[in-house]
Protein backbone atom coordinates (compact mmCIF):
# COMPACT_ATOMS: atom_id res chain seq x y z
CA MET A 1 -8.83 -12.95 10.46
CA SER A 2 -5.34 -11.73 11.43
CA CYS A 3 -3.74 -8.72 9.77
CA LYS A 4 -1.18 -11.02 8.14
CA ASN A 5 -3.92 -13.23 6.70
CA ILE A 6 -5.83 -10.20 5.41
CA LEU A 7 -2.63 -8.99 3.74
CA GLN A 8 -2.09 -12.39 2.10
CA SER A 9 -5.62 -12.50 0.70
CA CYS A 10 -5.68 -8.85 -0.41
CA ARG A 11 -5.38 -8.08 -4.14
CA LEU A 12 -6.09 -4.32 -4.13
CA TYR A 13 -4.16 -2.13 -1.67
CA GLY A 14 -5.64 1.33 -1.19
CA ILE A 15 -3.85 4.55 -0.26
CA VAL A 16 -5.46 7.67 1.17
CA ASP A 17 -2.95 10.17 -0.18
CA LEU A 18 -3.21 13.75 1.08
CA GLY A 19 -1.96 14.87 -2.33
CA TYR A 20 -5.43 13.92 -3.61
CA VAL A 21 -7.62 13.81 -0.49
CA SER A 22 -8.19 16.76 1.84
CA PRO A 23 -7.80 16.06 5.58
CA SER A 24 -11.51 16.66 6.06
CA ALA A 25 -12.32 13.90 3.55
CA VAL A 26 -9.99 11.25 4.98
CA SER A 27 -12.64 9.41 7.00
CA ALA A 28 -15.18 9.37 4.17
CA THR A 29 -12.57 8.18 1.68
CA THR A 30 -11.40 5.43 4.02
CA CYS A 31 -14.98 4.25 4.45
CA ALA A 32 -15.59 4.37 0.69
CA LEU A 33 -12.55 2.17 0.04
CA ILE A 34 -13.67 -0.35 2.66
CA ASP A 35 -17.22 -0.30 1.27
CA GLY A 36 -15.72 -1.24 -2.09
CA GLY A 37 -13.93 -4.23 -0.57
CA VAL A 38 -10.45 -2.82 0.06
CA ARG A 39 -9.01 -4.44 3.18
CA VAL A 40 -5.54 -2.87 3.37
CA ILE A 41 -5.43 0.93 3.47
CA GLN A 42 -2.45 3.22 3.90
CA LEU A 43 -2.26 6.86 4.98
CA ARG A 44 0.31 8.73 2.92
CA ALA A 45 0.88 12.27 4.17
CA LYS A 46 4.06 13.66 2.65
CA GLY A 47 5.15 17.10 3.86
CA VAL A 48 2.37 17.34 6.44
CA GLU A 49 2.90 18.45 10.04
CA LEU A 50 3.39 15.45 12.29
CA SER A 51 0.54 16.39 14.64
CA VAL A 52 -1.84 16.36 11.67
CA VAL A 53 -0.48 13.01 10.50
CA GLU A 54 -1.03 11.59 13.98
CA SER A 55 -4.60 12.86 14.19
CA LEU A 56 -5.51 11.44 10.78
CA ALA A 57 -3.71 8.17 11.47
CA ARG A 58 -5.67 7.66 14.68
CA GLU A 59 -8.89 8.45 12.81
CA MET A 60 -8.13 5.90 10.08
CA GLN A 61 -6.89 3.30 12.54
CA LYS A 62 -10.20 3.48 14.42
CA ILE A 63 -12.24 3.04 11.24
CA CYS A 64 -10.10 0.16 10.03
CA ARG A 65 -10.27 -1.62 13.40
CA GLU A 66 -14.05 -1.29 13.52
CA ARG A 67 -14.43 -2.56 9.95
CA HIS A 68 -11.81 -5.32 9.95
CA ALA A 69 -9.34 -3.68 7.60
CA VAL A 70 -5.57 -3.32 8.01
CA PHE A 71 -4.33 0.22 8.62
CA VAL A 72 -0.87 1.07 7.28
CA LEU A 73 1.04 4.25 8.11
CA ASN A 74 3.46 5.38 5.44
CA ASP A 75 6.80 6.40 7.01
CA TYR A 76 7.02 7.39 10.71
CA PRO A 77 7.80 4.03 12.41
CA GLN A 78 7.84 5.68 15.84
CA LEU A 79 4.38 7.15 15.30
CA ALA A 80 3.17 3.78 14.02
CA ALA A 81 4.39 2.24 17.28
CA ASP A 82 2.85 5.00 19.40
CA ILE A 83 -0.64 4.61 17.92
CA GLN A 84 -0.39 0.83 17.57
CA ALA A 85 -0.87 0.87 13.81
CA ASP A 86 -1.39 -2.50 12.16
CA ALA A 87 1.48 -1.88 9.74
CA VAL A 88 4.11 0.61 8.65
CA HIS A 89 5.46 1.12 5.13
CA VAL A 90 8.94 2.47 4.47
CA GLY A 91 10.85 3.45 1.36
CA GLN A 92 14.39 2.57 0.38
CA ASP A 93 15.54 5.55 2.43
CA GLY A 94 13.76 4.23 5.53
CA GLY A 95 16.81 2.42 6.89
CA PRO A 96 17.35 -1.28 7.64
CA LEU A 97 14.15 -3.20 8.34
CA GLU A 98 15.79 -4.60 11.46
CA GLU A 99 15.83 -1.08 12.89
CA VAL A 100 12.23 -0.44 11.79
CA ARG A 101 11.14 -3.64 13.56
CA ARG A 102 13.05 -2.64 16.69
CA ILE A 103 10.97 0.54 16.79
CA VAL A 104 7.54 -0.86 15.92
CA GLY A 105 7.77 -4.24 17.65
CA ALA A 106 7.11 -7.76 16.48
CA ASP A 107 3.33 -7.42 16.04
CA VAL A 108 3.37 -4.60 13.47
CA LEU A 109 3.60 -5.60 9.80
CA VAL A 110 6.41 -3.93 7.84
CA GLY A 111 6.25 -3.15 4.12
CA ARG A 112 9.06 -1.92 1.89
CA SER A 113 9.05 -0.04 -1.44
CA THR A 114 11.22 -1.71 -4.08
CA HIS A 115 12.22 -0.47 -7.52
CA GLY A 116 14.18 -3.39 -8.96
CA LEU A 117 14.96 -7.07 -8.60
CA GLU A 118 17.90 -6.65 -6.24
CA GLN A 119 15.77 -4.60 -3.88
CA VAL A 120 13.11 -7.33 -3.94
CA ARG A 121 15.77 -9.87 -2.94
CA GLN A 122 16.99 -7.57 -0.19
CA ALA A 123 13.49 -7.00 1.18
CA ARG A 124 12.89 -10.76 1.29
CA GLU A 125 16.20 -11.35 3.05
CA GLU A 126 15.39 -8.61 5.57
CA GLY A 127 12.06 -10.27 6.32
CA ALA A 128 9.61 -7.70 4.94
CA ASP A 129 5.99 -8.74 5.38
CA TYR A 130 5.15 -7.38 1.92
CA ILE A 131 6.60 -5.14 -0.78
CA GLY A 132 5.49 -2.55 -3.27
CA PHE A 133 7.14 -2.97 -6.70
CA GLY A 134 7.30 -0.02 -9.08
CA PRO A 135 6.60 2.53 -10.32
CA LEU A 136 5.60 0.55 -13.40
CA PHE A 137 4.55 3.65 -15.34
CA PRO A 138 5.29 7.36 -14.89
CA THR A 139 2.97 8.65 -12.18
CA GLY A 140 2.11 12.00 -10.67
CA THR A 141 2.09 10.34 -7.25
CA LYS A 142 5.87 9.93 -7.50
CA PRO A 143 6.99 12.79 -9.77
CA GLY A 144 10.52 12.49 -11.11
CA ARG A 145 10.92 8.80 -10.32
CA PRO A 146 11.69 6.84 -13.51
CA ALA A 147 9.27 4.06 -14.45
CA ILE A 148 10.66 0.54 -14.32
CA GLY A 149 8.25 -0.98 -16.84
CA LEU A 150 6.54 -4.37 -16.83
CA SER A 151 9.30 -6.73 -17.98
CA ASP A 152 10.54 -7.69 -14.49
CA ILE A 153 7.18 -8.30 -12.81
CA ALA A 154 7.13 -12.08 -13.29
CA LEU A 155 10.71 -12.52 -12.10
CA ALA A 156 10.16 -10.17 -9.16
CA GLN A 157 7.10 -12.23 -8.24
CA GLU A 158 9.23 -15.38 -8.36
CA ILE A 159 11.88 -13.83 -6.10
CA ALA A 160 9.23 -12.57 -3.69
CA GLY A 161 7.79 -16.07 -3.33
CA ASP A 162 5.06 -16.10 -0.69
CA MET A 163 5.83 -12.52 0.38
CA PRO A 164 2.93 -10.44 -1.00
CA MET A 165 4.07 -8.12 -3.80
CA PHE A 166 1.89 -5.20 -4.84
CA CYS A 167 2.64 -3.58 -8.20
CA ILE A 168 2.33 0.20 -8.06
CA GLY A 169 2.79 3.30 -10.17
CA GLY A 170 0.40 4.30 -12.92
CA VAL A 171 -1.83 1.27 -12.41
CA ASN A 172 -5.43 2.16 -13.21
CA GLY A 173 -8.59 0.87 -14.86
CA ALA A 174 -7.01 1.19 -18.31
CA THR A 175 -3.60 -0.35 -17.55
CA LEU A 176 -4.63 -3.12 -15.15
CA SER A 177 -5.12 -5.81 -17.79
CA GLU A 178 -1.64 -5.17 -19.18
CA VAL A 179 -0.16 -5.30 -15.69
CA GLN A 180 -1.94 -8.58 -14.97
CA ALA A 181 -0.76 -10.04 -18.27
CA ALA A 182 2.82 -9.27 -17.21
CA GLY A 183 2.36 -11.42 -14.10
CA ALA A 184 1.02 -9.12 -11.38
CA ARG A 185 -1.27 -10.70 -8.81
CA ARG A 186 -1.73 -7.70 -6.53
CA VAL A 187 -1.76 -3.95 -7.19
CA VAL A 188 -1.85 -0.57 -5.53
CA ILE A 189 -4.00 2.06 -7.23
CA VAL A 190 -3.81 5.61 -5.91
CA SER A 191 -4.71 8.68 -7.97
CA TRP A 192 -7.08 6.99 -10.45
CA LEU A 193 -9.10 5.40 -7.68
CA LEU A 194 -9.20 8.47 -5.45
CA GLN A 195 -10.46 10.61 -8.32
CA GLN A 196 -13.39 8.36 -9.26
CA ALA A 197 -16.88 9.77 -8.75
CA ASP A 198 -17.83 6.53 -6.97
CA ILE A 199 -14.73 5.21 -5.20
CA SER A 200 -16.54 2.19 -3.77
CA ALA A 201 -17.89 1.01 -7.12
CA ALA A 202 -14.53 1.56 -8.82
CA ALA A 203 -12.70 -0.40 -6.11
CA ALA A 204 -15.20 -3.24 -6.29
CA GLY A 205 -14.75 -3.45 -10.07
CA ILE A 206 -10.97 -3.63 -9.76
CA ILE A 207 -11.21 -6.30 -7.07
CA ARG A 208 -13.48 -8.39 -9.31
CA GLN A 209 -10.97 -8.08 -12.16
CA LEU A 210 -8.15 -9.17 -9.83
CA GLY A 211 -10.15 -12.23 -8.78
CA GLU A 212 -10.04 -11.63 -5.04
CA LYS A 213 -12.09 -14.24 -3.22
């Protein structure tokens, strides 16, 4: 299955965030997520030396390739191109997607963070392969960023059309039902999932709730 097809079928997007996972645990955490059924996994390494990011990215890319998952590098389009990552994810400060695509090439998927309806429209017009939409709730993963709430999820989903939209920010085992009721089809879960005693079992339970085939 192609990376684009995996992305389309994915309901739970996992992030190995170095704010919650030590570098030495990156491989084990990646494997645990895949064991639980997660097929799209991002490395987020804010404020980490680039050489360390590259080493961990190569490590995760290898695991994901061997186990038929999509590896996403957060930020660093040039590094994503250098290591032939499956995808790169950029924020609103990541520049025009046209420039990101020029750097990474046509075969690398490009995701964009969005925080409101106009940004969803913009991402669709720019040809993003997928978007994150949030943060829905206040979250320690993005301290200081105001929550956007649940009221725009259904409309954002309508604007996104067939572009996969993953709701993010404070989504967890307790809030997922509420997020789904507001119209979310796909979610990103970060801190809650990474802090579970059994990451694989927790991921599998979320995937079942989301109805991924």
